[in-house]
Structures are given as C-alpha cells and as structure tokens.
C-alpha cells in the first residue's frame, strides 16, 4: 500500500540526542521556481535523558497564531536542565499555509487537520500528515495541538479534550486540560472528526489535548499569555518540566450534542445578537443574516437550539450558506 512507502521527509534533528536542537523537516517539493526545492518545516527537539515525551504543535491551520507565538518562544527559552524526557516542538505544522496566512495550503489547498493518516506518495499536505502519523505520534506520550478560530471564527479561550471510550485516558485528558488552566475548559464535540490530527492521536491511544484561543486571524495579548502559561503547565503536569503547575481559575463547558452548532442557510451580512461568553436561552436569536442583494427583505434569524452560553461565533461581516454562525456550550457545575 502506498502509505507504507518510506516518507520522503527527512529530519535534520536526532530525536535520540540529548540537548537542544533546532532544525527542519525537509520535504522535497519540485516547482516552477525551484526544480529541486524543498518545504522546510522548523522543528525543535529538547531532550534530557529518559522520561515521557511531549509533541507540541501549532499552525495546523496557517491563520491561527497563539500556538506558533507560544511555541517559537518555548523553543528559544526552554532550559534542557529543567526537562526530564523529550519535548518535540513544531510551531507551524502546515508550514506552507502558515507562510501564506491561510487555513489551507496554497500548494494543494490541503487542510492538514482533515488529511490524516496522510499518504507518503500523496500531495504535499498528505505527506506532512503521513510523517506526523508514522514518525512523530508514535514517539509521543502526550500531544498538545494549538488552535484558534483563524480568519472565520472567534472563540472564548479554552483548552479541550474529547470524550473517549477509554475512560481512564479520558480522565487523564481532562486532567491535562485542567492543568493548562485556560479561562474555559471544554469537553469537545467535533462536527466531523474524520481525518483529524486529534483522531489519529487518539486512535493510537495517545493522550491528546487541544485549544481554541480566540480567532479572527490574529492574536491578542491575553490569549498569547494563556498559550504560553498553558503549554508550560501541561509539561509540568506531565512531569516533563520541573516546577509546579501555575493553576488559574477555569470554568468547564460541555458540547453535549449537535444542537450546539448553528449554520447559515443563506448568504448575507451577519449581525451577531449575543457576544462571546454571554448566556443563551433555547430559542433566543443568536444572529441575523441580512440580505444584501436588494433592500426590503427581512433578515433570516438564527435561533439557539439549546440553552448555555455563546462559545464561538462567525467572525467576518459577510456569511455564506453553510457557514457555522455560532456555537453554544453548556456550563458544567
């Protein structure tokens, strides 16, 4: 089978060597402006003897910035003497998308977080997924993949894990989420988990947590602080970095069903009726979509299908049919 062929990606770092290494995952990519060119994905490995291993990633989507900001900083500053085990840092997984500031790769339009398990003979994005699937995840005890809303969504800042059939792993995941200490902690439900990095890690039995830390295709001082504190907290919680977890108050949210999600049925201009973090009652108008083709048309109303609070919203002023307009989550006592 094609996905069992050796990966074309080579690493310039040695995952078994102690110390700090800054290097690249080099993926050959022949193109008009570079016949024997490569995609050079930055990677850092910090290792100090035996112990657990963490894989820390950002830029799975190229227009999300809290993760890359926190991880480039961590790669520069983490003292290997404080480490027991191995920390693998890839600040921008889908590096072509990150360089372009887009959700998907400008090379093949690939959404890395829908491309797992990938293919060693596939597109550039599929080759990146294949390398993580076969080379990096197997080395990992705990994976933290940073996300935020990108250009099209905005979230209350939360760390999240999924409910899992293995309740022991589920409990460990939620404990790591609590240690991250974002203002909000989420029991996460995905619209479609097929092809996700999360799913690939969880199917291997790995501990996996993720975040949504704002959005709008930018970052804020507060959300970057949350990311920087959170990643160190997770490493301390896992026993990989010395020191006590810097706990901050967090409130738990749950996404119990697909009723959390609301979608636009028409194109138009969106008017958000409730701000992030505000309470929501079932049936309440979350947003209105105004027709822009002509005057005189009444707006379409997007109503909540459950009570809770507004955890996410569509960010740009214009919306298309099928866009996610709002996400409601339930506050857990």
C-alpha atoms as a PDB file:
ATOM      1  CA  UNK A   1       0.000   0.000   0.000  1.00  0.00           C
ATOM      2  CA  UNK A   2       1.242   3.490  -0.885  1.00  0.00           C
ATOM      3  CA  UNK A   3       1.039   4.834   2.658  1.00  0.00           C
ATOM      4  CA  UNK A   4       3.552   2.176   3.791  1.00  0.00           C
ATOM      5  CA  UNK A   5       6.255   3.518   1.493  1.00  0.00           C
ATOM      6  CA  UNK A   6       9.028   5.425   3.302  1.00  0.00           C
ATOM      7  CA  UNK A   7       8.256   9.067   3.982  1.00  0.00           C
ATOM      8  CA  UNK A   8      10.038  11.499   1.636  1.00  0.00           C
ATOM      9  CA  UNK A   9      10.526  13.815   4.633  1.00  0.00           C
ATOM     10  CA  UNK A  10      13.931  13.768   6.313  1.00  0.00           C
ATOM     11  CA  UNK A  11      14.721  15.333   9.670  1.00  0.00           C
ATOM     12  CA  UNK A  12      17.865  17.348  10.362  1.00  0.00           C
ATOM     13  CA  UNK A  13      17.491  16.678  14.119  1.00  0.00           C
ATOM     14  CA  UNK A  14      18.270  13.488  16.043  1.00  0.00           C
ATOM     15  CA  UNK A  15      15.319  12.562  18.254  1.00  0.00           C
ATOM     16  CA  UNK A  16      17.546  10.395  20.474  1.00  0.00           C
ATOM     17  CA  UNK A  17      20.238  13.001  21.211  1.00  0.00           C
ATOM     18  CA  UNK A  18      20.318  14.956  24.459  1.00  0.00           C
ATOM     19  CA  UNK A  19      20.387  18.745  24.439  1.00  0.00           C
ATOM     20  CA  UNK A  20      18.645  21.366  22.318  1.00  0.00           C
ATOM     21  CA  UNK A  21      18.449  21.000  18.551  1.00  0.00           C
ATOM     22  CA  UNK A  22      16.892  23.458  16.096  1.00  0.00           C
ATOM     23  CA  UNK A  23      16.394  22.075  12.621  1.00  0.00           C
ATOM     24  CA  UNK A  24      13.944  21.187   9.894  1.00  0.00           C
ATOM     25  CA  UNK A  25      11.677  18.539   8.499  1.00  0.00           C
ATOM     26  CA  UNK A  26      12.708  18.748   4.850  1.00  0.00           C
ATOM     27  CA  UNK A  27      10.083  17.737   2.284  1.00  0.00           C
ATOM     28  CA  UNK A  28      11.257  17.704  -1.369  1.00  0.00           C
ATOM     29  CA  UNK A  29       8.929  19.843  -3.495  1.00  0.00           C
ATOM     30  CA  UNK A  30       9.790  20.456  -7.132  1.00  0.00           C
ATOM     31  CA  UNK A  31       8.138  23.572  -8.530  1.00  0.00           C
ATOM     32  CA  UNK A  32       8.485  26.310 -11.132  1.00  0.00           C
ATOM     33  CA  UNK A  33      10.787  28.494  -9.040  1.00  0.00           C
ATOM     34  CA  UNK A  34      12.911  25.668  -7.572  1.00  0.00           C
ATOM     35  CA  UNK A  35      13.357  22.478  -9.573  1.00  0.00           C
ATOM     36  CA  UNK A  36      14.984  20.585  -6.692  1.00  0.00           C
ATOM     37  CA  UNK A  37      13.371  22.636  -3.944  1.00  0.00           C
ATOM     38  CA  UNK A  38      12.023  21.662  -0.542  1.00  0.00           C
ATOM     39  CA  UNK A  39       9.456  22.695   2.060  1.00  0.00           C
ATOM     40  CA  UNK A  40      11.471  23.347   5.240  1.00  0.00           C
ATOM     41  CA  UNK A  41       9.295  22.888   8.358  1.00  0.00           C
ATOM     42  CA  UNK A  42      11.008  24.232  11.511  1.00  0.00           C
ATOM     43  CA  UNK A  43      11.356  21.755  14.385  1.00  0.00           C
ATOM     44  CA  UNK A  44      12.998  21.859  17.806  1.00  0.00           C
ATOM     45  CA  UNK A  45      13.858  18.856  19.989  1.00  0.00           C
ATOM     46  CA  UNK A  46      14.779  19.346  23.640  1.00  0.00           C
ATOM     47  CA  UNK A  47      15.840  16.122  25.341  1.00  0.00           C
ATOM     48  CA  UNK A  48      17.335  15.292  28.705  1.00  0.00           C
ATOM     49  CA  UNK A  49      17.642  11.586  29.385  1.00  0.00           C
ATOM     50  CA  UNK A  50      14.807   9.115  29.689  1.00  0.00           C
ATOM     51  CA  UNK A  51      11.265  10.119  30.538  1.00  0.00           C
ATOM     52  CA  UNK A  52       7.954  10.938  28.929  1.00  0.00           C
ATOM     53  CA  UNK A  53       7.717  12.652  25.546  1.00  0.00           C
ATOM     54  CA  UNK A  54       5.513  15.579  24.512  1.00  0.00           C
ATOM     55  CA  UNK A  55       4.675  16.680  20.971  1.00  0.00           C
ATOM     56  CA  UNK A  56       3.723  20.366  20.850  1.00  0.00           C
ATOM     57  CA  UNK A  57       2.269  21.728  17.618  1.00  0.00           C
ATOM     58  CA  UNK A  58       0.820  24.918  16.200  1.00  0.00           C
ATOM     59  CA  UNK A  59      -0.027  26.152  12.725  1.00  0.00           C
ATOM     60  CA  UNK A  60      -2.042  23.037  11.862  1.00  0.00           C
ATOM     61  CA  UNK A  61      -4.136  25.759  10.244  1.00  0.00           C
ATOM     62  CA  UNK A  62      -1.975  28.560   8.924  1.00  0.00           C
ATOM     63  CA  UNK A  63      -4.071  31.543  10.067  1.00  0.00           C
ATOM     64  CA  UNK A  64      -4.012  30.733  13.814  1.00  0.00           C
ATOM     65  CA  UNK A  65      -1.260  32.446  15.807  1.00  0.00           C
ATOM     66  CA  UNK A  66      -1.363  31.843  19.570  1.00  0.00           C
ATOM     67  CA  UNK A  67       0.220  28.405  19.180  1.00  0.00           C
ATOM     68  CA  UNK A  68       3.087  29.487  16.917  1.00  0.00           C
ATOM     69  CA  UNK A  69       3.832  32.503  19.132  1.00  0.00           C
ATOM     70  CA  UNK A  70       3.960  30.348  22.270  1.00  0.00           C
ATOM     71  CA  UNK A  71       5.936  27.526  20.646  1.00  0.00           C
ATOM     72  CA  UNK A  72       8.607  29.568  18.837  1.00  0.00           C
ATOM     73  CA  UNK A  73       9.142  31.278  22.204  1.00  0.00           C
ATOM     74  CA  UNK A  74       9.292  27.969  24.106  1.00  0.00           C
ATOM     75  CA  UNK A  75      11.798  26.518  21.628  1.00  0.00           C
ATOM     76  CA  UNK A  76      14.046  29.534  22.215  1.00  0.00           C
ATOM     77  CA  UNK A  77      13.798  29.664  26.017  1.00  0.00           C
ATOM     78  CA  UNK A  78      13.197  26.192  27.487  1.00  0.00           C
ATOM     79  CA  UNK A  79      16.245  25.113  29.528  1.00  0.00           C
ATOM     80  CA  UNK A  80      17.060  21.426  28.907  1.00  0.00           C
ATOM     81  CA  UNK A  81      18.231  21.147  32.527  1.00  0.00           C
ATOM     82  CA  UNK A  82      14.595  21.650  33.517  1.00  0.00           C
ATOM     83  CA  UNK A  83      13.483  18.793  31.231  1.00  0.00           C
ATOM     84  CA  UNK A  84      13.165  15.099  32.111  1.00  0.00           C
ATOM     85  CA  UNK A  85      12.396  13.319  28.870  1.00  0.00           C
ATOM     86  CA  UNK A  86      11.764  14.808  25.445  1.00  0.00           C
ATOM     87  CA  UNK A  87       9.905  17.836  24.095  1.00  0.00           C
ATOM     88  CA  UNK A  88       9.294  17.942  20.325  1.00  0.00           C
ATOM     89  CA  UNK A  89       8.146  21.365  19.118  1.00  0.00           C
ATOM     90  CA  UNK A  90       6.734  22.031  15.649  1.00  0.00           C
ATOM     91  CA  UNK A  91       5.388  25.609  15.779  1.00  0.00           C
ATOM     92  CA  UNK A  92       3.884  25.536  12.253  1.00  0.00           C
ATOM     93  CA  UNK A  93       2.829  22.056  11.115  1.00  0.00           C
ATOM     94  CA  UNK A  94       1.327  23.140   7.804  1.00  0.00           C
ATOM     95  CA  UNK A  95       4.237  25.455   7.062  1.00  0.00           C
ATOM     96  CA  UNK A  96       3.133  26.466   3.540  1.00  0.00           C
ATOM     97  CA  UNK A  97      -0.250  27.552   4.926  1.00  0.00           C
ATOM     98  CA  UNK A  98       1.426  29.344   7.830  1.00  0.00           C
ATOM     99  CA  UNK A  99       3.693  31.305   5.475  1.00  0.00           C
ATOM    100  CA  UNK A 100       0.654  32.273   3.378  1.00  0.00           C
ATOM    101  CA  UNK A 101      -1.537  33.150   6.389  1.00  0.00           C
ATOM    102  CA  UNK A 102      -4.262  30.819   5.150  1.00  0.00           C
ATOM    103  CA  UNK A 103      -6.186  27.950   6.717  1.00  0.00           C
ATOM    104  CA  UNK A 104      -5.221  25.545   3.938  1.00  0.00           C
ATOM    105  CA  UNK A 105      -2.031  25.072   1.951  1.00  0.00           C
ATOM    106  CA  UNK A 106      -1.518  27.386  -1.037  1.00  0.00           C
ATOM    107  CA  UNK A 107       0.284  24.485  -2.745  1.00  0.00           C
ATOM    108  CA  UNK A 108      -2.533  21.922  -2.873  1.00  0.00           C
ATOM    109  CA  UNK A 109      -5.400  23.563  -0.895  1.00  0.00           C
ATOM    110  CA  UNK A 110      -4.923  20.776   1.640  1.00  0.00           C
ATOM    111  CA  UNK A 111      -6.452  21.138   5.099  1.00  0.00           C
ATOM    112  CA  UNK A 112      -3.848  19.326   7.221  1.00  0.00           C
ATOM    113  CA  UNK A 113      -6.350  18.717  10.006  1.00  0.00           C
ATOM    114  CA  UNK A 114      -8.557  16.751   7.607  1.00  0.00           C
ATOM    115  CA  UNK A 115      -5.706  14.857   5.891  1.00  0.00           C
ATOM    116  CA  UNK A 116      -4.733  12.147   8.385  1.00  0.00           C
ATOM    117  CA  UNK A 117      -3.440   9.449   8.189  1.00  0.00           C
ATOM    118  CA  UNK A 118      -1.937  11.004   5.059  1.00  0.00           C
ATOM    119  CA  UNK A 119      -0.022   9.391   2.205  1.00  0.00           C
ATOM    120  CA  UNK A 120       3.717   9.163   1.621  1.00  0.00           C
ATOM    121  CA  UNK A 121       3.063   9.403  -2.151  1.00  0.00           C
ATOM    122  CA  UNK A 122       0.265  11.983  -1.904  1.00  0.00           C
ATOM    123  CA  UNK A 123       0.073  15.752  -2.029  1.00  0.00           C
ATOM    124  CA  UNK A 124       2.407  17.959   0.000  1.00  0.00           C
ATOM    125  CA  UNK A 125      -0.196  18.198   2.780  1.00  0.00           C
ATOM    126  CA  UNK A 126      -0.798  14.435   2.778  1.00  0.00           C
ATOM    127  CA  UNK A 127       2.960  13.819   3.016  1.00  0.00           C
ATOM    128  CA  UNK A 128       3.181  16.091   6.078  1.00  0.00           C
ATOM    129  CA  UNK A 129       0.266  14.233   7.707  1.00  0.00           C
ATOM    130  CA  UNK A 130       1.880  10.877   6.926  1.00  0.00           C
ATOM    131  CA  UNK A 131       5.136  11.928   8.618  1.00  0.00           C
ATOM    132  CA  UNK A 132       3.353  13.010  11.790  1.00  0.00           C
ATOM    133  CA  UNK A 133       1.253   9.838  11.733  1.00  0.00           C
ATOM    134  CA  UNK A 134       4.155   7.420  11.345  1.00  0.00           C
ATOM    135  CA  UNK A 135       7.203   9.202  12.736  1.00  0.00           C
ATOM    136  CA  UNK A 136       6.178  11.729  15.404  1.00  0.00           C
ATOM    137  CA  UNK A 137       2.976  10.474  17.048  1.00  0.00           C
ATOM    138  CA  UNK A 138       4.494   7.055  17.842  1.00  0.00           C
ATOM    139  CA  UNK A 139       7.241   8.870  19.813  1.00  0.00           C
ATOM    140  CA  UNK A 140       4.674  10.771  21.857  1.00  0.00           C
ATOM    141  CA  UNK A 141       3.095  10.227  25.264  1.00  0.00           C
ATOM    142  CA  UNK A 142       1.120  13.471  25.244  1.00  0.00           C
ATOM    143  CA  UNK A 143       0.276  15.756  22.308  1.00  0.00           C
ATOM    144  CA  UNK A 144      -0.888  19.364  22.583  1.00  0.00           C
ATOM    145  CA  UNK A 145      -2.110  20.889  19.311  1.00  0.00           C
ATOM    146  CA  UNK A 146      -2.845  24.619  19.473  1.00  0.00           C
ATOM    147  CA  UNK A 147      -5.787  26.048  17.553  1.00  0.00           C
ATOM    148  CA  UNK A 148      -7.787  29.258  17.468  1.00  0.00           C
ATOM    149  CA  UNK A 149     -10.571  30.384  15.190  1.00  0.00           C
ATOM    150  CA  UNK A 150      -8.496  31.582  12.252  1.00  0.00           C
ATOM    151  CA  UNK A 151      -9.939  34.244  10.000  1.00  0.00           C
ATOM    152  CA  UNK A 152     -13.532  32.998  10.088  1.00  0.00           C
ATOM    153  CA  UNK A 153     -14.329  32.114  13.731  1.00  0.00           C
ATOM    154  CA  UNK A 154     -13.806  33.619  17.176  1.00  0.00           C
ATOM    155  CA  UNK A 155     -13.925  31.635  20.437  1.00  0.00           C
ATOM    156  CA  UNK A 156     -13.932  32.170  24.157  1.00  0.00           C
ATOM    157  CA  UNK A 157     -10.385  30.992  25.034  1.00  0.00           C
ATOM    158  CA  UNK A 158     -10.496  27.336  26.045  1.00  0.00           C
ATOM    159  CA  UNK A 159      -8.416  24.183  26.282  1.00  0.00           C
ATOM    160  CA  UNK A 160     -10.228  20.975  25.353  1.00  0.00           C
ATOM    161  CA  UNK A 161     -10.195  17.218  25.246  1.00  0.00           C
ATOM    162  CA  UNK A 162     -12.692  14.773  23.773  1.00  0.00           C
ATOM    163  CA  UNK A 163     -14.859  12.225  25.490  1.00  0.00           C
ATOM    164  CA  UNK A 164     -13.308   8.808  24.749  1.00  0.00           C
ATOM    165  CA  UNK A 165     -14.322   5.148  25.014  1.00  0.00           C
ATOM    166  CA  UNK A 166     -11.292   4.559  27.257  1.00  0.00           C
ATOM    167  CA  UNK A 167     -12.457   6.375  30.390  1.00  0.00           C
ATOM    168  CA  UNK A 168      -9.019   6.214  32.019  1.00  0.00           C
ATOM    169  CA  UNK A 169      -7.471   8.073  29.067  1.00  0.00           C
ATOM    170  CA  UNK A 170     -10.454  10.432  29.036  1.00  0.00           C
ATOM    171  CA  UNK A 171      -9.885  11.300  32.705  1.00  0.00           C
ATOM    172  CA  UNK A 172      -6.158  11.874  32.057  1.00  0.00           C
ATOM    173  CA  UNK A 173      -7.040  14.139  29.143  1.00  0.00           C
ATOM    174  CA  UNK A 174      -9.431  16.246  31.205  1.00  0.00           C
ATOM    175  CA  UNK A 175      -6.822  16.464  33.990  1.00  0.00           C
ATOM    176  CA  UNK A 176      -4.299  17.833  31.466  1.00  0.00           C
ATOM    177  CA  UNK A 177      -6.909  20.321  30.234  1.00  0.00           C
ATOM    178  CA  UNK A 178      -7.477  21.498  33.798  1.00  0.00           C
ATOM    179  CA  UNK A 179      -3.716  21.862  34.272  1.00  0.00           C
ATOM    180  CA  UNK A 180      -3.495  24.034  31.133  1.00  0.00           C
ATOM    181  CA  UNK A 181      -5.680  26.479  33.105  1.00  0.00           C
ATOM    182  CA  UNK A 182      -7.344  28.435  30.325  1.00  0.00           C
ATOM    183  CA  UNK A 183     -10.264  30.605  31.445  1.00  0.00           C
ATOM    184  CA  UNK A 184     -12.545  27.939  29.966  1.00  0.00           C
ATOM    185  CA  UNK A 185     -12.132  24.159  29.697  1.00  0.00           C
ATOM    186  CA  UNK A 186     -14.178  22.214  27.143  1.00  0.00           C
ATOM    187  CA  UNK A 187     -15.484  18.689  26.714  1.00  0.00           C
ATOM    188  CA  UNK A 188     -15.247  18.972  22.941  1.00  0.00           C
ATOM    189  CA  UNK A 189     -17.535  17.682  20.214  1.00  0.00           C
ATOM    190  CA  UNK A 190     -16.368  17.805  16.582  1.00  0.00           C
ATOM    191  CA  UNK A 191     -18.691  18.365  13.618  1.00  0.00           C
ATOM    192  CA  UNK A 192     -16.714  15.698  11.721  1.00  0.00           C
ATOM    193  CA  UNK A 193     -13.657  14.033  13.264  1.00  0.00           C
ATOM    194  CA  UNK A 194     -12.596  12.083  10.142  1.00  0.00           C
ATOM    195  CA  UNK A 195      -9.032  12.893   9.051  1.00  0.00           C
ATOM    196  CA  UNK A 196      -8.193  14.998  12.095  1.00  0.00           C
ATOM    197  CA  UNK A 197      -4.828  15.008  13.882  1.00  0.00           C
ATOM    198  CA  UNK A 198      -6.845  14.569  17.097  1.00  0.00           C
ATOM    199  CA  UNK A 199      -8.397  11.367  15.777  1.00  0.00           C
ATOM    200  CA  UNK A 200      -5.062   9.989  14.571  1.00  0.00           C
ATOM    201  CA  UNK A 201      -3.502  10.515  18.003  1.00  0.00           C
ATOM    202  CA  UNK A 202      -6.460   9.125  19.912  1.00  0.00           C
ATOM    203  CA  UNK A 203      -6.700   6.022  17.733  1.00  0.00           C
ATOM    204  CA  UNK A 204      -3.074   5.310  18.742  1.00  0.00           C
ATOM    205  CA  UNK A 205      -4.078   5.541  22.398  1.00  0.00           C
ATOM    206  CA  UNK A 206      -2.208   8.806  22.916  1.00  0.00           C
ATOM    207  CA  UNK A 207      -3.125  11.492  25.417  1.00  0.00           C
ATOM    208  CA  UNK A 208      -4.303  14.435  23.274  1.00  0.00           C
ATOM    209  CA  UNK A 209      -5.473  17.927  24.159  1.00  0.00           C
ATOM    210  CA  UNK A 210      -6.136  20.974  22.023  1.00  0.00           C
ATOM    211  CA  UNK A 211      -7.230  24.599  22.296  1.00  0.00           C
ATOM    212  CA  UNK A 212      -9.342  27.290  20.720  1.00  0.00           C
ATOM    213  CA  UNK A 213      -7.824  30.583  21.882  1.00  0.00           C
ATOM    214  CA  UNK A 214      -9.681  33.404  20.181  1.00  0.00           C
ATOM    215  CA  UNK A 215      -9.622  33.915  16.431  1.00  0.00           C
ATOM    216  CA  UNK A 216     -10.215  36.461  13.730  1.00  0.00           C
ATOM    217  CA  UNK A 217      -6.917  35.651  12.012  1.00  0.00           C
ATOM    218  CA  UNK A 218      -4.881  37.434  14.697  1.00  0.00           C
ATOM    219  CA  UNK A 219      -3.901  37.116  18.347  1.00  0.00           C
ATOM    220  CA  UNK A 220      -4.426  39.164  21.477  1.00  0.00           C
ATOM    221  CA  UNK A 221      -2.069  39.808  24.387  1.00  0.00           C
ATOM    222  CA  UNK A 222      -4.389  37.893  26.719  1.00  0.00           C
ATOM    223  CA  UNK A 223      -4.682  34.805  24.510  1.00  0.00           C
ATOM    224  CA  UNK A 224      -0.923  34.614  23.902  1.00  0.00           C
ATOM    225  CA  UNK A 225      -0.351  34.792  27.667  1.00  0.00           C
ATOM    226  CA  UNK A 226      -2.837  31.942  28.093  1.00  0.00           C
ATOM    227  CA  UNK A 227      -0.971  29.863  25.487  1.00  0.00           C
ATOM    228  CA  UNK A 228       2.482  30.477  26.977  1.00  0.00           C
ATOM    229  CA  UNK A 229       1.388  29.709  30.522  1.00  0.00           C
ATOM    230  CA  UNK A 230      -0.705  26.748  29.407  1.00  0.00           C
ATOM    231  CA  UNK A 231       1.991  24.895  27.492  1.00  0.00           C
ATOM    232  CA  UNK A 232       4.404  25.077  30.435  1.00  0.00           C
ATOM    233  CA  UNK A 233       1.623  23.970  32.774  1.00  0.00           C
ATOM    234  CA  UNK A 234       0.959  20.895  30.626  1.00  0.00           C
ATOM    235  CA  UNK A 235       4.661  19.988  30.541  1.00  0.00           C
ATOM    236  CA  UNK A 236       4.877  20.372  34.319  1.00  0.00           C
ATOM    237  CA  UNK A 237       1.699  18.361  34.799  1.00  0.00           C
ATOM    238  CA  UNK A 238       3.175  15.564  32.649  1.00  0.00           C
ATOM    239  CA  UNK A 239       6.370  15.507  34.708  1.00  0.00           C
ATOM    240  CA  UNK A 240       8.497  16.586  31.736  1.00  0.00           C
ATOM    241  CA  UNK A 241       9.429  20.063  33.005  1.00  0.00           C
ATOM    242  CA  UNK A 242      10.355  20.830  36.604  1.00  0.00           C
ATOM    243  CA  UNK A 243       8.211  23.106  38.707  1.00  0.00           C
ATOM    244  CA  UNK A 244       4.659  23.464  39.960  1.00  0.00           C
ATOM    245  CA  UNK A 245       1.664  23.970  37.700  1.00  0.00           C
ATOM    246  CA  UNK A 246       0.576  27.624  37.742  1.00  0.00           C
ATOM    247  CA  UNK A 247      -3.116  26.975  38.270  1.00  0.00           C
ATOM    248  CA  UNK A 248      -5.631  29.625  37.254  1.00  0.00           C
ATOM    249  CA  UNK A 249      -9.417  29.531  37.675  1.00  0.00           C
ATOM    250  CA  UNK A 250     -11.165  27.682  34.849  1.00  0.00           C
ATOM    251  CA  UNK A 251     -14.847  27.033  34.166  1.00  0.00           C
ATOM    252  CA  UNK A 252     -15.905  23.805  32.460  1.00  0.00           C
ATOM    253  CA  UNK A 253     -18.067  23.723  29.367  1.00  0.00           C
ATOM    254  CA  UNK A 254     -19.663  20.769  27.575  1.00  0.00           C
ATOM    255  CA  UNK A 255     -20.835  20.298  23.999  1.00  0.00           C
ATOM    256  CA  UNK A 256     -23.418  17.555  24.548  1.00  0.00           C
ATOM    257  CA  UNK A 257     -24.871  17.248  21.041  1.00  0.00           C
ATOM    258  CA  UNK A 258     -25.020  18.623  17.527  1.00  0.00           C
ATOM    259  CA  UNK A 259     -27.579  21.144  18.756  1.00  0.00           C
ATOM    260  CA  UNK A 260     -24.548  23.200  19.844  1.00  0.00           C
ATOM    261  CA  UNK A 261     -23.937  24.247  16.234  1.00  0.00           C
ATOM    262  CA  UNK A 262     -25.868  26.754  14.126  1.00  0.00           C
ATOM    263  CA  UNK A 263     -25.368  27.214  10.375  1.00  0.00           C
ATOM    264  CA  UNK A 264     -26.338  29.859   7.846  1.00  0.00           C
ATOM    265  CA  UNK A 265     -28.871  28.836   5.222  1.00  0.00           C
ATOM    266  CA  UNK A 266     -28.455  31.951   3.085  1.00  0.00           C
ATOM    267  CA  UNK A 267     -25.680  34.306   2.014  1.00  0.00           C
ATOM    268  CA  UNK A 268     -25.683  37.783   3.504  1.00  0.00           C
ATOM    269  CA  UNK A 269     -24.382  40.138   6.169  1.00  0.00           C
ATOM    270  CA  UNK A 270     -24.314  38.710   9.684  1.00  0.00           C
ATOM    271  CA  UNK A 271     -25.398  40.640  12.758  1.00  0.00           C
ATOM    272  CA  UNK A 272     -24.323  38.937  15.975  1.00  0.00           C
ATOM    273  CA  UNK A 273     -27.018  39.418  18.619  1.00  0.00           C
ATOM    274  CA  UNK A 274     -25.111  37.931  21.588  1.00  0.00           C
ATOM    275  CA  UNK A 275     -21.465  38.442  22.496  1.00  0.00           C
ATOM    276  CA  UNK A 276     -18.997  35.673  23.345  1.00  0.00           C
ATOM    277  CA  UNK A 277     -19.398  34.287  26.854  1.00  0.00           C
ATOM    278  CA  UNK A 278     -22.908  35.665  27.327  1.00  0.00           C
ATOM    279  CA  UNK A 279     -25.767  33.388  28.426  1.00  0.00           C
ATOM    280  CA  UNK A 280     -28.104  31.927  25.809  1.00  0.00           C
ATOM    281  CA  UNK A 281     -31.656  30.614  26.154  1.00  0.00           C
ATOM    282  CA  UNK A 282     -33.099  27.991  23.830  1.00  0.00           C
ATOM    283  CA  UNK A 283     -34.984  29.753  21.042  1.00  0.00           C
ATOM    284  CA  UNK A 284     -33.131  33.037  21.528  1.00  0.00           C
ATOM    285  CA  UNK A 285     -31.904  34.812  18.392  1.00  0.00           C
ATOM    286  CA  UNK A 286     -28.126  34.340  18.183  1.00  0.00           C
ATOM    287  CA  UNK A 287     -27.619  36.187  14.905  1.00  0.00           C
ATOM    288  CA  UNK A 288     -29.475  37.714  11.996  1.00  0.00           C
ATOM    289  CA  UNK A 289     -28.443  37.376   8.354  1.00  0.00           C
ATOM    290  CA  UNK A 290     -29.401  40.356   6.257  1.00  0.00           C
ATOM    291  CA  UNK A 291     -29.961  40.055   2.523  1.00  0.00           C
ATOM    292  CA  UNK A 292     -27.581  42.283   0.573  1.00  0.00           C
ATOM    293  CA  UNK A 293     -28.963  41.663  -2.928  1.00  0.00           C
ATOM    294  CA  UNK A 294     -31.761  44.184  -2.550  1.00  0.00           C
ATOM    295  CA  UNK A 295     -33.455  46.312   0.077  1.00  0.00           C
ATOM    296  CA  UNK A 296     -36.726  45.442   1.775  1.00  0.00           C
ATOM    297  CA  UNK A 297     -36.078  41.792   2.716  1.00  0.00           C
ATOM    298  CA  UNK A 298     -36.482  40.678   6.335  1.00  0.00           C
ATOM    299  CA  UNK A 299     -33.340  39.154   7.866  1.00  0.00           C
ATOM    300  CA  UNK A 300     -33.041  35.428   8.495  1.00  0.00           C
ATOM    301  CA  UNK A 301     -32.934  34.683  12.232  1.00  0.00           C
ATOM    302  CA  UNK A 302     -30.539  32.095  13.658  1.00  0.00           C
ATOM    303  CA  UNK A 303     -32.056  30.762  16.881  1.00  0.00           C
ATOM    304  CA  UNK A 304     -30.378  28.728  19.610  1.00  0.00           C
ATOM    305  CA  UNK A 305     -31.417  25.083  19.720  1.00  0.00           C
ATOM    306  CA  UNK A 306     -30.286  24.763  23.337  1.00  0.00           C
ATOM    307  CA  UNK A 307     -29.528  26.899  26.388  1.00  0.00           C
ATOM    308  CA  UNK A 308     -25.973  27.634  27.532  1.00  0.00           C
ATOM    309  CA  UNK A 309     -23.503  30.350  26.632  1.00  0.00           C
ATOM    310  CA  UNK A 310     -22.060  31.575  23.345  1.00  0.00           C
ATOM    311  CA  UNK A 311     -18.699  29.811  22.946  1.00  0.00           C
ATOM    312  CA  UNK A 312     -17.945  30.733  19.317  1.00  0.00           C
ATOM    313  CA  UNK A 313     -19.226  32.949  16.543  1.00  0.00           C
ATOM    314  CA  UNK A 314     -18.657  33.640  12.864  1.00  0.00           C
ATOM    315  CA  UNK A 315     -16.092  36.432  12.591  1.00  0.00           C
ATOM    316  CA  UNK A 316     -16.248  38.172   9.170  1.00  0.00           C
ATOM    317  CA  UNK A 317     -19.127  40.531   8.486  1.00  0.00           C
ATOM    318  CA  UNK A 318     -20.314  38.574   5.452  1.00  0.00           C
ATOM    319  CA  UNK A 319     -21.526  34.976   5.640  1.00  0.00           C
ATOM    320  CA  UNK A 320     -22.242  32.234   3.094  1.00  0.00           C
ATOM    321  CA  UNK A 321     -24.834  29.469   3.180  1.00  0.00           C
ATOM    322  CA  UNK A 322     -23.392  26.556   5.148  1.00  0.00           C
ATOM    323  CA  UNK A 323     -21.067  28.663   7.315  1.00  0.00           C
ATOM    324  CA  UNK A 324     -21.046  27.955  11.032  1.00  0.00           C
ATOM    325  CA  UNK A 325     -22.563  31.057  12.589  1.00  0.00           C
ATOM    326  CA  UNK A 326     -22.499  30.198  16.302  1.00  0.00           C
ATOM    327  CA  UNK A 327     -21.606  27.520  18.830  1.00  0.00           C
ATOM    328  CA  UNK A 328     -23.429  27.212  22.151  1.00  0.00           C
ATOM    329  CA  UNK A 329     -21.867  25.269  25.024  1.00  0.00           C
ATOM    330  CA  UNK A 330     -23.307  24.237  28.383  1.00  0.00           C
ATOM    331  CA  UNK A 331     -21.743  25.444  31.628  1.00  0.00           C
ATOM    332  CA  UNK A 332     -20.853  22.457  33.825  1.00  0.00           C
ATOM    333  CA  UNK A 333     -21.107  22.987  37.591  1.00  0.00           C
END
